[in-house]
Amino acid sequence: QQGHRITFLGLSAADAFKGIEFVDDRSLASKV
């Protein structure tokens, strides 16, 4: 659930997190 919230926020605000890029990549889930 928290991973979904982080992903949603990362997709909504482009620079919400420094050090993680929300792109179509297999490693996004592990980073989140």
PDB file of all heavy atoms in Angstrom:
ATOM      1  N   GLN A   1       0.842  -1.198   0.000  1.00  0.00           N
ATOM      2  CA  GLN A   1       0.000   0.000   0.000  1.00  0.00           C
ATOM      3  C   GLN A   1       0.874   1.243   0.000  1.00  0.00           C
ATOM      4  O   GLN A   1       0.608   2.189  -0.733  1.00  0.00           O
ATOM      5  CB  GLN A   1      -0.914   0.010   1.216  1.00  0.00           C
ATOM      6  CG  GLN A   1      -2.048  -0.966   1.131  1.00  0.00           C
ATOM      7  CD  GLN A   1      -2.911  -0.920   2.378  1.00  0.00           C
ATOM      8  OE1 GLN A   1      -2.627  -0.238   3.336  1.00  0.00           O
ATOM      9  NE2 GLN A   1      -3.993  -1.672   2.341  1.00  0.00           N
ATOM     10  N   GLN A   2       1.903   1.258   0.814  1.00  0.00           N
ATOM     11  CA  GLN A   2       2.791   2.406   0.861  1.00  0.00           C
ATOM     12  C   GLN A   2       3.564   2.519  -0.446  1.00  0.00           C
ATOM     13  O   GLN A   2       3.795   3.620  -0.920  1.00  0.00           O
ATOM     14  CB  GLN A   2       3.751   2.298   2.047  1.00  0.00           C
ATOM     15  CG  GLN A   2       4.535   3.540   2.289  1.00  0.00           C
ATOM     16  CD  GLN A   2       3.686   4.713   2.718  1.00  0.00           C
ATOM     17  OE1 GLN A   2       2.536   4.592   3.070  1.00  0.00           O
ATOM     18  NE2 GLN A   2       4.273   5.880   2.679  1.00  0.00           N
ATOM     19  N   GLY A   3       3.930   1.408  -1.031  1.00  0.00           N
ATOM     20  CA  GLY A   3       4.594   1.432  -2.335  1.00  0.00           C
ATOM     21  C   GLY A   3       3.718   2.042  -3.401  1.00  0.00           C
ATOM     22  O   GLY A   3       4.182   2.797  -4.259  1.00  0.00           O
ATOM     23  N   HIS A   4       2.424   1.733  -3.345  1.00  0.00           N
ATOM     24  CA  HIS A   4       1.489   2.335  -4.294  1.00  0.00           C
ATOM     25  C   HIS A   4       1.380   3.839  -4.082  1.00  0.00           C
ATOM     26  O   HIS A   4       1.318   4.607  -5.035  1.00  0.00           O
ATOM     27  CB  HIS A   4       0.105   1.693  -4.158  1.00  0.00           C
ATOM     28  CG  HIS A   4       0.026   0.345  -4.763  1.00  0.00           C
ATOM     29  ND1 HIS A   4       0.088  -0.793  -4.000  1.00  0.00           N
ATOM     30  CD2 HIS A   4      -0.084  -0.062  -6.044  1.00  0.00           C
ATOM     31  CE1 HIS A   4      -0.001  -1.841  -4.800  1.00  0.00           C
ATOM     32  NE2 HIS A   4      -0.097  -1.427  -6.041  1.00  0.00           N
ATOM     33  N   ARG A   5       1.372   4.260  -2.823  1.00  0.00           N
ATOM     34  CA  ARG A   5       1.292   5.701  -2.535  1.00  0.00           C
ATOM     35  C   ARG A   5       2.548   6.418  -3.035  1.00  0.00           C
ATOM     36  O   ARG A   5       2.458   7.508  -3.609  1.00  0.00           O
ATOM     37  CB  ARG A   5       1.116   5.925  -1.042  1.00  0.00           C
ATOM     38  CG  ARG A   5      -0.242   5.517  -0.549  1.00  0.00           C
ATOM     39  CD  ARG A   5      -0.400   5.835   0.934  1.00  0.00           C
ATOM     40  NE  ARG A   5      -1.596   5.208   1.445  1.00  0.00           N
ATOM     41  CZ  ARG A   5      -1.623   4.150   2.244  1.00  0.00           C
ATOM     42  NH1 ARG A   5      -0.505   3.615   2.675  1.00  0.00           N
ATOM     43  NH2 ARG A   5      -2.762   3.642   2.645  1.00  0.00           N
ATOM     44  N   ILE A   6       3.711   5.823  -2.810  1.00  0.00           N
ATOM     45  CA  ILE A   6       4.958   6.428  -3.273  1.00  0.00           C
ATOM     46  C   ILE A   6       4.972   6.509  -4.792  1.00  0.00           C
ATOM     47  O   ILE A   6       5.345   7.535  -5.365  1.00  0.00           O
ATOM     48  CB  ILE A   6       6.169   5.635  -2.742  1.00  0.00           C
ATOM     49  CG1 ILE A   6       6.306   5.835  -1.231  1.00  0.00           C
ATOM     50  CG2 ILE A   6       7.451   6.044  -3.455  1.00  0.00           C
ATOM     51  CD1 ILE A   6       7.326   4.935  -0.582  1.00  0.00           C
ATOM     52  N   THR A   7       4.559   5.433  -5.459  1.00  0.00           N
ATOM     53  CA  THR A   7       4.519   5.425  -6.919  1.00  0.00           C
ATOM     54  C   THR A   7       3.544   6.470  -7.440  1.00  0.00           C
ATOM     55  O   THR A   7       3.847   7.205  -8.376  1.00  0.00           O
ATOM     56  CB  THR A   7       4.136   4.030  -7.440  1.00  0.00           C
ATOM     57  OG1 THR A   7       5.055   3.076  -6.917  1.00  0.00           O
ATOM     58  CG2 THR A   7       4.155   3.985  -8.950  1.00  0.00           C
ATOM     59  N   PHE A   8       2.362   6.553  -6.833  1.00  0.00           N
ATOM     60  CA  PHE A   8       1.373   7.538  -7.260  1.00  0.00           C
ATOM     61  C   PHE A   8       1.924   8.948  -7.109  1.00  0.00           C
ATOM     62  O   PHE A   8       1.789   9.781  -8.005  1.00  0.00           O
ATOM     63  CB  PHE A   8       0.083   7.373  -6.455  1.00  0.00           C
ATOM     64  CG  PHE A   8      -0.991   8.344  -6.843  1.00  0.00           C
ATOM     65  CD1 PHE A   8      -1.705   8.159  -8.006  1.00  0.00           C
ATOM     66  CD2 PHE A   8      -1.264   9.438  -6.050  1.00  0.00           C
ATOM     67  CE1 PHE A   8      -2.690   9.066  -8.382  1.00  0.00           C
ATOM     68  CE2 PHE A   8      -2.239  10.342  -6.398  1.00  0.00           C
ATOM     69  CZ  PHE A   8      -2.959  10.155  -7.575  1.00  0.00           C
ATOM     70  N   LEU A   9       2.559   9.236  -5.972  1.00  0.00           N
ATOM     71  CA  LEU A   9       3.128  10.559  -5.749  1.00  0.00           C
ATOM     72  C   LEU A   9       4.274  10.830  -6.722  1.00  0.00           C
ATOM     73  O   LEU A   9       4.399  11.933  -7.249  1.00  0.00           O
ATOM     74  CB  LEU A   9       3.612  10.692  -4.306  1.00  0.00           C
ATOM     75  CG  LEU A   9       4.125  12.059  -3.897  1.00  0.00           C
ATOM     76  CD1 LEU A   9       3.045  13.126  -4.077  1.00  0.00           C
ATOM     77  CD2 LEU A   9       4.576  12.032  -2.456  1.00  0.00           C
ATOM     78  N   GLY A  10       5.091   9.826  -6.982  1.00  0.00           N
ATOM     79  CA  GLY A  10       6.182   9.993  -7.934  1.00  0.00           C
ATOM     80  C   GLY A  10       5.701  10.247  -9.342  1.00  0.00           C
ATOM     81  O   GLY A  10       6.317  10.993 -10.101  1.00  0.00           O
ATOM     82  N   LEU A  11       4.583   9.642  -9.703  1.00  0.00           N
ATOM     83  CA  LEU A  11       4.008   9.879 -11.020  1.00  0.00           C
ATOM     84  C   LEU A  11       3.297  11.226 -11.093  1.00  0.00           C
ATOM     85  O   LEU A  11       3.253  11.859 -12.144  1.00  0.00           O
ATOM     86  CB  LEU A  11       3.021   8.760 -11.372  1.00  0.00           C
ATOM     87  CG  LEU A  11       3.628   7.390 -11.612  1.00  0.00           C
ATOM     88  CD1 LEU A  11       2.542   6.338 -11.728  1.00  0.00           C
ATOM     89  CD2 LEU A  11       4.489   7.401 -12.858  1.00  0.00           C
ATOM     90  N   SER A  12       2.742  11.663  -9.979  1.00  0.00           N
ATOM     91  CA  SER A  12       1.997  12.924  -9.955  1.00  0.00           C
ATOM     92  C   SER A  12       2.920  14.136  -9.921  1.00  0.00           C
ATOM     93  O   SER A  12       2.682  15.117 -10.612  1.00  0.00           O
ATOM     94  CB  SER A  12       1.070  12.967  -8.737  1.00  0.00           C
ATOM     95  OG  SER A  12       0.151  11.903  -8.793  1.00  0.00           O
ATOM     96  N   ALA A  13       3.926  14.097  -9.080  1.00  0.00           N
ATOM     97  CA  ALA A  13       4.885  15.198  -8.960  1.00  0.00           C
ATOM     98  C   ALA A  13       6.219  14.712  -9.510  1.00  0.00           C
ATOM     99  O   ALA A  13       6.819  13.781  -8.960  1.00  0.00           O
ATOM    100  CB  ALA A  13       5.018  15.627  -7.504  1.00  0.00           C
ATOM    101  N   ALA A  14       6.676  15.330 -10.554  1.00  0.00           N
ATOM    102  CA  ALA A  14       7.851  14.832 -11.280  1.00  0.00           C
ATOM    103  C   ALA A  14       9.099  14.714 -10.403  1.00  0.00           C
ATOM    104  O   ALA A  14       9.831  13.738 -10.490  1.00  0.00           O
ATOM    105  CB  ALA A  14       8.130  15.735 -12.469  1.00  0.00           C
ATOM    106  N   ASP A  15       9.358  15.685  -9.558  1.00  0.00           N
ATOM    107  CA  ASP A  15      10.572  15.670  -8.741  1.00  0.00           C
ATOM    108  C   ASP A  15      10.252  15.486  -7.266  1.00  0.00           C
ATOM    109  O   ASP A  15      10.838  16.144  -6.408  1.00  0.00           O
ATOM    110  CB  ASP A  15      11.355  16.971  -8.953  1.00  0.00           C
ATOM    111  CG  ASP A  15      11.860  17.100 -10.370  1.00  0.00           C
ATOM    112  OD1 ASP A  15      12.183  16.050 -10.962  1.00  0.00           O
ATOM    113  OD2 ASP A  15      11.929  18.231 -10.885  1.00  0.00           O
ATOM    114  N   ALA A  16       9.344  14.571  -6.955  1.00  0.00           N
ATOM    115  CA  ALA A  16       8.954  14.342  -5.565  1.00  0.00           C
ATOM    116  C   ALA A  16      10.071  13.669  -4.781  1.00  0.00           C
ATOM    117  O   ALA A  16      10.247  13.933  -3.594  1.00  0.00           O
ATOM    118  CB  ALA A  16       7.686  13.500  -5.499  1.00  0.00           C
ATOM    119  N   PHE A  17      10.844  12.804  -5.444  1.00  0.00           N
ATOM    120  CA  PHE A  17      11.927  12.082  -4.789  1.00  0.00           C
ATOM    121  C   PHE A  17      13.214  12.278  -5.572  1.00  0.00           C
ATOM    122  O   PHE A  17      13.228  12.197  -6.793  1.00  0.00           O
ATOM    123  CB  PHE A  17      11.604  10.581  -4.707  1.00  0.00           C
ATOM    124  CG  PHE A  17      10.411  10.267  -3.882  1.00  0.00           C
ATOM    125  CD1 PHE A  17       9.163  10.131  -4.465  1.00  0.00           C
ATOM    126  CD2 PHE A  17      10.516  10.111  -2.509  1.00  0.00           C
ATOM    127  CE1 PHE A  17       8.052   9.851  -3.700  1.00  0.00           C
ATOM    128  CE2 PHE A  17       9.412   9.837  -1.741  1.00  0.00           C
ATOM    129  CZ  PHE A  17       8.169   9.701  -2.338  1.00  0.00           C
ATOM    130  N   LYS A  18      14.291  12.533  -4.864  1.00  0.00           N
ATOM    131  CA  LYS A  18      15.599  12.666  -5.492  1.00  0.00           C
ATOM    132  C   LYS A  18      16.302  11.313  -5.384  1.00  0.00           C
ATOM    133  O   LYS A  18      16.354  10.716  -4.315  1.00  0.00           O
ATOM    134  CB  LYS A  18      16.412  13.727  -4.757  1.00  0.00           C
ATOM    135  CG  LYS A  18      17.758  13.998  -5.346  1.00  0.00           C
ATOM    136  CD  LYS A  18      18.457  15.087  -4.568  1.00  0.00           C
ATOM    137  CE  LYS A  18      19.830  15.339  -5.128  1.00  0.00           C
ATOM    138  NZ  LYS A  18      20.521  16.360  -4.331  1.00  0.00           N
ATOM    139  N   GLY A  19      16.804  10.805  -6.494  1.00  0.00           N
ATOM    140  CA  GLY A  19      17.509   9.532  -6.484  1.00  0.00           C
ATOM    141  C   GLY A  19      16.698   8.385  -7.050  1.00  0.00           C
ATOM    142  O   GLY A  19      17.186   7.262  -7.120  1.00  0.00           O
ATOM    143  N   ILE A  20      15.478   8.635  -7.456  1.00  0.00           N
ATOM    144  CA  ILE A  20      14.649   7.606  -8.081  1.00  0.00           C
ATOM    145  C   ILE A  20      13.887   8.244  -9.235  1.00  0.00           C
ATOM    146  O   ILE A  20      13.350   9.336  -9.104  1.00  0.00           O
ATOM    147  CB  ILE A  20      13.689   6.956  -7.061  1.00  0.00           C
ATOM    148  CG1 ILE A  20      12.905   5.798  -7.684  1.00  0.00           C
ATOM    149  CG2 ILE A  20      12.737   7.966  -6.482  1.00  0.00           C
ATOM    150  CD1 ILE A  20      12.099   5.000  -6.683  1.00  0.00           C
ATOM    151  N   GLU A  21      13.924   7.594 -10.372  1.00  0.00           N
ATOM    152  CA  GLU A  21      13.231   8.090 -11.550  1.00  0.00           C
ATOM    153  C   GLU A  21      12.071   7.150 -11.849  1.00  0.00           C
ATOM    154  O   GLU A  21      12.252   5.939 -11.942  1.00  0.00           O
ATOM    155  CB  GLU A  21      14.188   8.154 -12.740  1.00  0.00           C
ATOM    156  CG  GLU A  21      13.608   8.834 -13.943  1.00  0.00           C
ATOM    157  CD  GLU A  21      14.631   8.964 -15.061  1.00  0.00           C
ATOM    158  OE1 GLU A  21      15.820   8.713 -14.812  1.00  0.00           O
ATOM    159  OE2 GLU A  21      14.219   9.280 -16.179  1.00  0.00           O
ATOM    160  N   PHE A  22      10.900   7.694 -11.980  1.00  0.00           N
ATOM    161  CA  PHE A  22       9.703   6.897 -12.208  1.00  0.00           C
ATOM    162  C   PHE A  22       9.500   6.701 -13.706  1.00  0.00           C
ATOM    163  O   PHE A  22       8.733   7.415 -14.346  1.00  0.00           O
ATOM    164  CB  PHE A  22       8.486   7.563 -11.555  1.00  0.00           C
ATOM    165  CG  PHE A  22       8.541   7.518 -10.064  1.00  0.00           C
ATOM    166  CD1 PHE A  22       9.212   8.489  -9.344  1.00  0.00           C
ATOM    167  CD2 PHE A  22       7.949   6.473  -9.380  1.00  0.00           C
ATOM    168  CE1 PHE A  22       9.291   8.432  -7.962  1.00  0.00           C
ATOM    169  CE2 PHE A  22       8.031   6.409  -8.002  1.00  0.00           C
ATOM    170  CZ  PHE A  22       8.700   7.386  -7.296  1.00  0.00           C
ATOM    171  N   VAL A  23      10.229   5.739 -14.259  1.00  0.00           N
ATOM    172  CA  VAL A  23      10.145   5.395 -15.674  1.00  0.00           C
ATOM    173  C   VAL A  23       9.747   3.931 -15.793  1.00  0.00           C
ATOM    174  O   VAL A  23       9.816   3.171 -14.830  1.00  0.00           O
ATOM    175  CB  VAL A  23      11.491   5.644 -16.404  1.00  0.00           C
ATOM    176  CG1 VAL A  23      11.816   7.122 -16.433  1.00  0.00           C
ATOM    177  CG2 VAL A  23      12.604   4.868 -15.769  1.00  0.00           C
ATOM    178  N   ASP A  24       9.361   3.552 -16.999  1.00  0.00           N
ATOM    179  CA  ASP A  24       8.943   2.180 -17.259  1.00  0.00           C
ATOM    180  C   ASP A  24      10.171   1.275 -17.237  1.00  0.00           C
ATOM    181  O   ASP A  24      10.869   1.114 -18.225  1.00  0.00           O
ATOM    182  CB  ASP A  24       8.234   2.102 -18.604  1.00  0.00           C
ATOM    183  CG  ASP A  24       7.586   0.756 -18.837  1.00  0.00           C
ATOM    184  OD1 ASP A  24       7.529  -0.047 -17.884  1.00  0.00           O
ATOM    185  OD2 ASP A  24       7.125   0.511 -19.966  1.00  0.00           O
ATOM    186  N   ASP A  25      10.429   0.711 -16.069  1.00  0.00           N
ATOM    187  CA  ASP A  25      11.626  -0.081 -15.857  1.00  0.00           C
ATOM    188  C   ASP A  25      11.300  -1.193 -14.867  1.00  0.00           C
ATOM    189  O   ASP A  25      10.528  -0.985 -13.933  1.00  0.00           O
ATOM    190  CB  ASP A  25      12.725   0.834 -15.307  1.00  0.00           C
ATOM    191  CG  ASP A  25      14.073   0.161 -15.238  1.00  0.00           C
ATOM    192  OD1 ASP A  25      14.184  -1.017 -15.620  1.00  0.00           O
ATOM    193  OD2 ASP A  25      15.018   0.824 -14.789  1.00  0.00           O
ATOM    194  N   ARG A  26      11.894  -2.351 -15.046  1.00  0.00           N
ATOM    195  CA  ARG A  26      11.637  -3.467 -14.133  1.00  0.00           C
ATOM    196  C   ARG A  26      12.124  -3.190 -12.725  1.00  0.00           C
ATOM    197  O   ARG A  26      11.613  -3.737 -11.761  1.00  0.00           O
ATOM    198  CB  ARG A  26      12.309  -4.734 -14.650  1.00  0.00           C
ATOM    199  CG  ARG A  26      11.634  -5.334 -15.830  1.00  0.00           C
ATOM    200  CD  ARG A  26      12.379  -6.577 -16.250  1.00  0.00           C
ATOM    201  NE  ARG A  26      11.641  -7.245 -17.288  1.00  0.00           N
ATOM    202  CZ  ARG A  26      11.194  -8.481 -17.183  1.00  0.00           C
ATOM    203  NH1 ARG A  26      11.438  -9.174 -16.104  1.00  0.00           N
ATOM    204  NH2 ARG A  26      10.517  -9.011 -18.162  1.00  0.00           N
ATOM    205  N   SER A  27      13.118  -2.357 -12.576  1.00  0.00           N
ATOM    206  CA  SER A  27      13.689  -2.104 -11.261  1.00  0.00           C
ATOM    207  C   SER A  27      12.914  -1.067 -10.452  1.00  0.00           C
ATOM    208  O   SER A  27      13.257  -0.820  -9.300  1.00  0.00           O
ATOM    209  CB  SER A  27      15.142  -1.662 -11.399  1.00  0.00           C
ATOM    210  OG  SER A  27      15.210  -0.409 -12.039  1.00  0.00           O
ATOM    211  N   LEU A  28      11.876  -0.459 -11.021  1.00  0.00           N
ATOM    212  CA  LEU A  28      11.121   0.565 -10.299  1.00  0.00           C
ATOM    213  C   LEU A  28      10.482  -0.001  -9.037  1.00  0.00           C
ATOM    214  O   LEU A  28      10.553   0.611  -7.964  1.00  0.00           O
ATOM    215  CB  LEU A  28      10.053   1.203 -11.183  1.00  0.00           C
ATOM    216  CG  LEU A  28       9.189   2.265 -10.491  1.00  0.00           C
ATOM    217  CD1 LEU A  28      10.047   3.434 -10.049  1.00  0.00           C
ATOM    218  CD2 LEU A  28       8.079   2.733 -11.397  1.00  0.00           C
ATOM    219  N   ALA A  29       9.893  -1.177  -9.128  1.00  0.00           N
ATOM    220  CA  ALA A  29       9.235  -1.776  -7.956  1.00  0.00           C
ATOM    221  C   ALA A  29      10.240  -2.022  -6.837  1.00  0.00           C
ATOM    222  O   ALA A  29       9.957  -1.713  -5.673  1.00  0.00           O
ATOM    223  CB  ALA A  29       8.538  -3.078  -8.340  1.00  0.00           C
ATOM    224  N   SER A  30      11.410  -2.528  -7.173  1.00  0.00           N
ATOM    225  CA  SER A  30      12.393  -2.775  -6.115  1.00  0.00           C
ATOM    226  C   SER A  30      12.894  -1.465  -5.516  1.00  0.00           C
ATOM    227  O   SER A  30      13.145  -1.390  -4.306  1.00  0.00           O
ATOM    228  CB  SER A  30      13.558  -3.610  -6.644  1.00  0.00           C
ATOM    229  OG  SER A  30      14.282  -2.895  -7.608  1.00  0.00           O
ATOM    230  N   LYS A  31      13.025  -0.425  -6.325  1.00  0.00           N
ATOM    231  CA  LYS A  31      13.448   0.878  -5.804  1.00  0.00           C
ATOM    232  C   LYS A  31      12.393   1.465  -4.869  1.00  0.00           C
ATOM    233  O   LYS A  31      12.719   2.032  -3.829  1.00  0.00           O
ATOM    234  CB  LYS A  31      13.716   1.848  -6.943  1.00  0.00           C
ATOM    235  CG  LYS A  31      14.941   1.516  -7.748  1.00  0.00           C
ATOM    236  CD  LYS A  31      15.089   2.466  -8.910  1.00  0.00           C
ATOM    237  CE  LYS A  31      16.215   2.052  -9.823  1.00  0.00           C
ATOM    238  NZ  LYS A  31      16.305   2.910 -11.014  1.00  0.00           N
ATOM    239  N   VAL A  32      11.124   1.331  -5.252  1.00  0.00           N
ATOM    240  CA  VAL A  32      10.038   1.866  -4.426  1.00  0.00           C
ATOM    241  C   VAL A  32       9.949   1.104  -3.106  1.00  0.00           C
ATOM    242  O   VAL A  32       9.814   1.709  -2.038  1.00  0.00           O
ATOM    243  CB  VAL A  32       8.699   1.827  -5.194  1.00  0.00           C
ATOM    244  CG1 VAL A  32       7.525   2.080  -4.274  1.00  0.00           C
ATOM    245  CG2 VAL A  32       8.707   2.842  -6.317  1.00  0.00           C
TER     246      VAL A  32
END
